[in-house]
Structure formats: structure tokens, C-alpha cells
Amino acid sequence: MVGIGSALYITCGLGPGPRDGAMTGLHQRTGVRVGRVRLGLEVVVSIAGAVLGGTLGLGTLLFALLIGQSVAISFGLLARLTSK
């Protein structure tokens, strides 16, 4: 659901949030796939949070590992739906 929601509000031109803005900006500048860029961002943020004393649980790790691919798949689905 988060992947679909992110793809919807980014493609509607409502302006991305901080992580989504970093994701789309790095994707445009480097050409690296959106899913991989988001995975990298989430891993860095998760490590930083753990170093600062935050809890790094299973849910956090699963979200960090899967949200990038979820957003990438959602972008692809939206592109197919809007091109018809």
C-alpha cells in the first residue's frame, strides 16, 4: 500500500517527501533503478537510526528491504495504466 501511495502522489506532481525526493533525484542523476536507489536510502537510514540508539526490529528491516521494489513496481503499473 505504501508503494502504491508513493507512486500515486509522486506521479500526480504533488511534490515528493524527503526520501522520495532523494530517491527520484538520485534516480534521475545516476540512472540507477528506482528500487535500488530506495533500497540504498532505506539501508543507510536504518543503520543511522540504529547507531543513534533506535530499535531495529523485523518490521523495520522488512520495510527497508521491500519498499523500494514496491514503489518501482507501482511506478510500472501506473505507467501501463496511464498509457492506454
N, C-alpha and C. Protein backbone atom coordinates (compact mmCIF):
# COMPACT_ATOMS: atom_id res chain seq x y z
N MET A 1 0.82 -1.19 0.00
CA MET A 1 0.00 0.00 0.00
C MET A 1 0.87 1.26 0.00
N VAL A 2 1.96 1.23 0.72
CA VAL A 2 2.84 2.41 0.76
C VAL A 2 3.47 2.64 -0.61
N GLY A 3 3.85 1.57 -1.28
CA GLY A 3 4.43 1.70 -2.62
C GLY A 3 3.46 2.31 -3.60
N ILE A 4 2.21 1.85 -3.57
CA ILE A 4 1.18 2.39 -4.45
C ILE A 4 0.92 3.86 -4.12
N GLY A 5 0.78 4.15 -2.84
CA GLY A 5 0.54 5.53 -2.42
C GLY A 5 1.67 6.45 -2.82
N SER A 6 2.89 6.01 -2.63
CA SER A 6 4.05 6.83 -3.01
C SER A 6 4.06 7.09 -4.51
N ALA A 7 3.85 6.06 -5.29
CA ALA A 7 3.84 6.22 -6.74
C ALA A 7 2.73 7.16 -7.18
N LEU A 8 1.56 7.05 -6.56
CA LEU A 8 0.44 7.92 -6.93
C LEU A 8 0.75 9.39 -6.66
N TYR A 9 1.20 9.72 -5.46
CA TYR A 9 1.40 11.13 -5.18
C TYR A 9 2.63 11.70 -5.87
N ILE A 10 3.63 10.90 -6.16
CA ILE A 10 4.79 11.40 -6.89
C ILE A 10 4.42 11.68 -8.34
N THR A 11 3.69 10.78 -8.97
CA THR A 11 3.33 10.97 -10.38
C THR A 11 2.26 12.03 -10.58
N CYS A 12 1.51 12.38 -9.54
CA CYS A 12 0.49 13.42 -9.66
C CYS A 12 1.10 14.82 -9.60
N GLY A 13 2.37 14.91 -9.31
CA GLY A 13 3.04 16.21 -9.25
C GLY A 13 2.78 16.98 -7.97
N LEU A 14 2.44 16.27 -6.89
CA LEU A 14 2.18 16.93 -5.62
C LEU A 14 3.45 17.23 -4.85
N GLY A 15 4.58 16.81 -5.37
CA GLY A 15 5.86 17.04 -4.71
C GLY A 15 6.21 15.90 -3.79
N PRO A 16 7.38 15.31 -3.97
CA PRO A 16 7.78 14.18 -3.13
C PRO A 16 8.25 14.63 -1.76
N GLY A 17 8.14 13.74 -0.79
CA GLY A 17 8.68 13.99 0.54
C GLY A 17 10.19 13.87 0.51
N PRO A 18 10.85 13.99 1.65
CA PRO A 18 12.32 13.97 1.67
C PRO A 18 12.95 12.70 1.09
N ARG A 19 12.49 11.54 1.51
CA ARG A 19 13.10 10.31 0.98
C ARG A 19 12.69 10.06 -0.46
N ASP A 20 11.45 10.35 -0.77
CA ASP A 20 11.01 10.17 -2.15
C ASP A 20 11.70 11.16 -3.09
N GLY A 21 11.94 12.37 -2.60
CA GLY A 21 12.67 13.35 -3.40
C GLY A 21 14.11 12.92 -3.63
N ALA A 22 14.74 12.40 -2.59
CA ALA A 22 16.11 11.89 -2.74
C ALA A 22 16.12 10.71 -3.70
N MET A 23 15.11 9.84 -3.59
CA MET A 23 15.03 8.67 -4.45
C MET A 23 14.89 9.08 -5.92
N THR A 24 13.94 9.97 -6.21
CA THR A 24 13.71 10.36 -7.61
C THR A 24 14.89 11.18 -8.14
N GLY A 25 15.47 12.03 -7.29
CA GLY A 25 16.62 12.83 -7.73
C GLY A 25 17.83 11.98 -8.05
N LEU A 26 18.15 11.02 -7.16
CA LEU A 26 19.28 10.13 -7.41
C LEU A 26 19.03 9.25 -8.63
N HIS A 27 17.80 8.82 -8.80
CA HIS A 27 17.46 8.00 -9.97
C HIS A 27 17.70 8.80 -11.26
N GLN A 28 17.23 10.05 -11.28
CA GLN A 28 17.40 10.87 -12.48
C GLN A 28 18.86 11.20 -12.76
N ARG A 29 19.61 11.46 -11.72
CA ARG A 29 21.02 11.84 -11.89
C ARG A 29 21.92 10.67 -12.26
N THR A 30 21.65 9.50 -11.66
CA THR A 30 22.56 8.36 -11.84
C THR A 30 22.06 7.33 -12.84
N GLY A 31 20.75 7.28 -13.05
CA GLY A 31 20.19 6.26 -13.93
C GLY A 31 20.01 4.91 -13.25
N VAL A 32 20.35 4.83 -11.96
CA VAL A 32 20.15 3.59 -11.21
C VAL A 32 18.66 3.39 -11.00
N ARG A 33 18.21 2.15 -11.06
CA ARG A 33 16.80 1.85 -10.91
C ARG A 33 16.24 2.40 -9.60
N VAL A 34 14.97 2.85 -9.66
CA VAL A 34 14.31 3.44 -8.51
C VAL A 34 14.33 2.50 -7.30
N GLY A 35 14.04 1.24 -7.53
CA GLY A 35 14.01 0.27 -6.43
C GLY A 35 15.35 0.14 -5.73
N ARG A 36 16.41 0.15 -6.49
CA ARG A 36 17.75 0.02 -5.90
C ARG A 36 18.16 1.29 -5.16
N VAL A 37 17.80 2.44 -5.73
CA VAL A 37 18.11 3.70 -5.05
C VAL A 37 17.38 3.76 -3.71
N ARG A 38 16.09 3.41 -3.71
CA ARG A 38 15.32 3.46 -2.47
C ARG A 38 15.85 2.45 -1.45
N LEU A 39 16.23 1.27 -1.92
CA LEU A 39 16.82 0.28 -1.02
C LEU A 39 18.07 0.85 -0.34
N GLY A 40 18.93 1.47 -1.12
CA GLY A 40 20.13 2.07 -0.56
C GLY A 40 19.83 3.15 0.46
N LEU A 41 18.86 4.00 0.15
CA LEU A 41 18.47 5.05 1.09
C LEU A 41 17.94 4.47 2.39
N GLU A 42 17.08 3.48 2.28
CA GLU A 42 16.48 2.88 3.47
C GLU A 42 17.52 2.16 4.32
N VAL A 43 18.49 1.51 3.70
CA VAL A 43 19.54 0.83 4.44
C VAL A 43 20.39 1.85 5.20
N VAL A 44 20.75 2.94 4.53
CA VAL A 44 21.54 3.99 5.18
C VAL A 44 20.78 4.59 6.36
N VAL A 45 19.50 4.90 6.16
CA VAL A 45 18.69 5.49 7.22
C VAL A 45 18.50 4.50 8.38
N SER A 46 18.32 3.23 8.08
CA SER A 46 18.16 2.22 9.13
C SER A 46 19.43 2.08 9.96
N ILE A 47 20.56 2.06 9.30
CA ILE A 47 21.84 1.97 10.01
C ILE A 47 22.06 3.21 10.87
N ALA A 48 21.78 4.38 10.30
CA ALA A 48 21.94 5.62 11.07
C ALA A 48 21.04 5.61 12.30
N GLY A 49 19.80 5.16 12.14
CA GLY A 49 18.89 5.08 13.28
C GLY A 49 19.38 4.13 14.35
N ALA A 50 19.92 3.00 13.94
CA ALA A 50 20.45 2.02 14.91
C ALA A 50 21.67 2.58 15.63
N VAL A 51 22.55 3.26 14.90
CA VAL A 51 23.74 3.85 15.50
C VAL A 51 23.35 4.91 16.52
N LEU A 52 22.28 5.64 16.25
CA LEU A 52 21.81 6.68 17.16
C LEU A 52 21.01 6.14 18.33
N GLY A 53 20.83 4.81 18.37
CA GLY A 53 20.17 4.20 19.52
C GLY A 53 18.74 3.75 19.28
N GLY A 54 18.27 3.84 18.06
CA GLY A 54 16.91 3.40 17.75
C GLY A 54 16.78 1.89 17.69
N THR A 55 15.55 1.42 17.75
CA THR A 55 15.27 0.00 17.67
C THR A 55 15.20 -0.43 16.21
N LEU A 56 15.87 -1.50 15.89
CA LEU A 56 15.87 -2.03 14.53
C LEU A 56 15.22 -3.40 14.58
N GLY A 57 13.90 -3.42 14.44
CA GLY A 57 13.15 -4.67 14.53
C GLY A 57 12.91 -5.30 13.17
N LEU A 58 12.24 -6.43 13.20
CA LEU A 58 11.95 -7.17 11.97
C LEU A 58 11.09 -6.36 11.01
N GLY A 59 10.08 -5.68 11.52
CA GLY A 59 9.22 -4.87 10.66
C GLY A 59 9.98 -3.76 9.96
N THR A 60 10.87 -3.12 10.69
CA THR A 60 11.69 -2.06 10.11
C THR A 60 12.58 -2.60 9.01
N LEU A 61 13.21 -3.73 9.27
CA LEU A 61 14.09 -4.33 8.27
C LEU A 61 13.32 -4.77 7.03
N LEU A 62 12.17 -5.39 7.23
CA LEU A 62 11.36 -5.82 6.07
C LEU A 62 10.91 -4.62 5.24
N PHE A 63 10.46 -3.57 5.92
CA PHE A 63 10.04 -2.37 5.20
C PHE A 63 11.21 -1.80 4.40
N ALA A 64 12.36 -1.67 5.04
CA ALA A 64 13.54 -1.10 4.38
C ALA A 64 13.94 -1.92 3.16
N LEU A 65 13.82 -3.23 3.26
CA LEU A 65 14.24 -4.09 2.15
C LEU A 65 13.22 -4.17 1.02
N LEU A 66 11.95 -3.97 1.32
CA LEU A 66 10.90 -4.20 0.32
C LEU A 66 10.25 -2.95 -0.26
N ILE A 67 10.37 -1.79 0.40
CA ILE A 67 9.66 -0.62 -0.08
C ILE A 67 10.17 -0.14 -1.44
N GLY A 68 11.43 -0.24 -1.70
CA GLY A 68 11.97 0.20 -2.98
C GLY A 68 11.38 -0.55 -4.15
N GLN A 69 11.34 -1.87 -4.02
CA GLN A 69 10.77 -2.68 -5.10
C GLN A 69 9.28 -2.43 -5.23
N SER A 70 8.61 -2.20 -4.12
CA SER A 70 7.18 -1.91 -4.14
C SER A 70 6.89 -0.62 -4.89
N VAL A 71 7.67 0.41 -4.64
CA VAL A 71 7.50 1.68 -5.35
C VAL A 71 7.81 1.49 -6.84
N ALA A 72 8.87 0.78 -7.15
CA ALA A 72 9.25 0.55 -8.55
C ALA A 72 8.15 -0.20 -9.31
N ILE A 73 7.60 -1.23 -8.70
CA ILE A 73 6.52 -1.98 -9.34
C ILE A 73 5.30 -1.09 -9.53
N SER A 74 5.00 -0.28 -8.54
CA SER A 74 3.85 0.62 -8.63
C SER A 74 4.03 1.66 -9.72
N PHE A 75 5.25 2.20 -9.88
CA PHE A 75 5.52 3.12 -10.99
C PHE A 75 5.25 2.45 -12.32
N GLY A 76 5.70 1.21 -12.46
CA GLY A 76 5.48 0.48 -13.71
C GLY A 76 4.01 0.23 -13.99
N LEU A 77 3.27 -0.16 -12.96
CA LEU A 77 1.83 -0.38 -13.13
C LEU A 77 1.10 0.91 -13.51
N LEU A 78 1.44 2.00 -12.86
CA LEU A 78 0.80 3.27 -13.19
C LEU A 78 1.14 3.71 -14.61
N ALA A 79 2.37 3.48 -15.03
CA ALA A 79 2.75 3.84 -16.39
C ALA A 79 1.93 3.05 -17.41
N ARG A 80 1.72 1.79 -17.13
CA ARG A 80 0.91 0.97 -18.05
C ARG A 80 -0.54 1.41 -18.07
N LEU A 81 -1.08 1.73 -16.90
CA LEU A 81 -2.47 2.14 -16.83
C LEU A 81 -2.73 3.49 -17.48
N THR A 82 -1.78 4.40 -17.37
CA THR A 82 -1.99 5.73 -17.92
C THR A 82 -1.64 5.82 -19.40
N SER A 83 -0.93 4.84 -19.94
CA SER A 83 -0.55 4.89 -21.35
C SER A 83 -1.65 4.37 -22.27
N LYS A 84 -2.69 3.80 -21.69
CA LYS A 84 -3.78 3.24 -22.52
C LYS A 84 -4.80 4.29 -22.88
